[in-house]
């Protein structure tokens, strides 16, 4: 039970951080679904934004 809670919480934190990063880099009004789709197609750009 404890492991499942940790996994769920880590997924939530990862999601919140990725949305925050998109809003910080792209703009506050960035469309999250389309931005994540474009970054998933260009994985090197997503990695560059993180480093």
Protein backbone atom coordinates (compact mmCIF):
# COMPACT_ATOMS: atom_id res chain seq x y z
CA UNK A 1 0.00 0.00 0.00
CA UNK A 2 2.77 2.40 0.91
CA UNK A 3 4.59 1.73 -2.37
CA UNK A 4 1.46 2.47 -4.42
CA UNK A 5 0.94 5.78 -2.62
CA UNK A 6 4.56 6.77 -3.26
CA UNK A 7 4.23 5.89 -6.95
CA UNK A 8 1.03 7.90 -7.33
CA UNK A 9 2.48 10.90 -5.53
CA UNK A 10 5.65 10.82 -7.60
CA UNK A 11 3.56 10.78 -10.80
CA UNK A 12 1.55 13.76 -9.57
CA UNK A 13 4.70 15.69 -8.69
CA UNK A 14 6.23 14.87 -12.07
CA UNK A 15 3.11 16.10 -13.85
CA UNK A 16 2.98 19.33 -11.88
CA UNK A 17 6.67 20.01 -12.51
CA UNK A 18 6.35 19.37 -16.24
CA UNK A 19 3.36 21.71 -16.54
CA UNK A 20 5.20 24.36 -14.54
CA UNK A 21 8.25 24.02 -16.78
CA UNK A 22 6.14 24.36 -19.92
CA UNK A 23 4.45 27.47 -18.56
CA UNK A 24 7.79 28.95 -17.51
CA UNK A 25 9.56 28.33 -20.81
CA UNK A 26 6.78 28.71 -23.38
CA UNK A 27 4.35 31.13 -21.76
CA UNK A 28 1.74 31.22 -19.04
CA UNK A 29 -1.00 30.70 -21.64
CA UNK A 30 0.65 27.76 -23.40
CA UNK A 31 -1.70 24.98 -24.40
CA UNK A 32 -0.36 22.11 -22.31
CA UNK A 33 -1.58 19.17 -24.49
CA UNK A 34 -0.23 20.58 -27.76
CA UNK A 35 3.05 21.63 -26.15
CA UNK A 36 3.65 18.21 -24.63
CA UNK A 37 2.86 16.58 -27.98
CA UNK A 38 5.34 18.82 -29.79
CA UNK A 39 8.03 18.24 -27.15
CA UNK A 40 7.49 14.48 -27.29
CA UNK A 41 8.15 14.55 -31.03
CA UNK A 42 11.30 16.63 -30.48
CA UNK A 43 12.87 14.91 -27.51
CA UNK A 44 16.24 16.64 -27.92
CA UNK A 45 14.57 20.03 -27.52
CA UNK A 46 12.80 18.87 -24.38
CA UNK A 47 16.11 17.69 -22.93
CA UNK A 48 17.77 20.99 -23.88
CA UNK A 49 15.05 22.90 -22.04
CA UNK A 50 15.73 20.86 -18.92
CA UNK A 51 19.51 21.33 -18.93
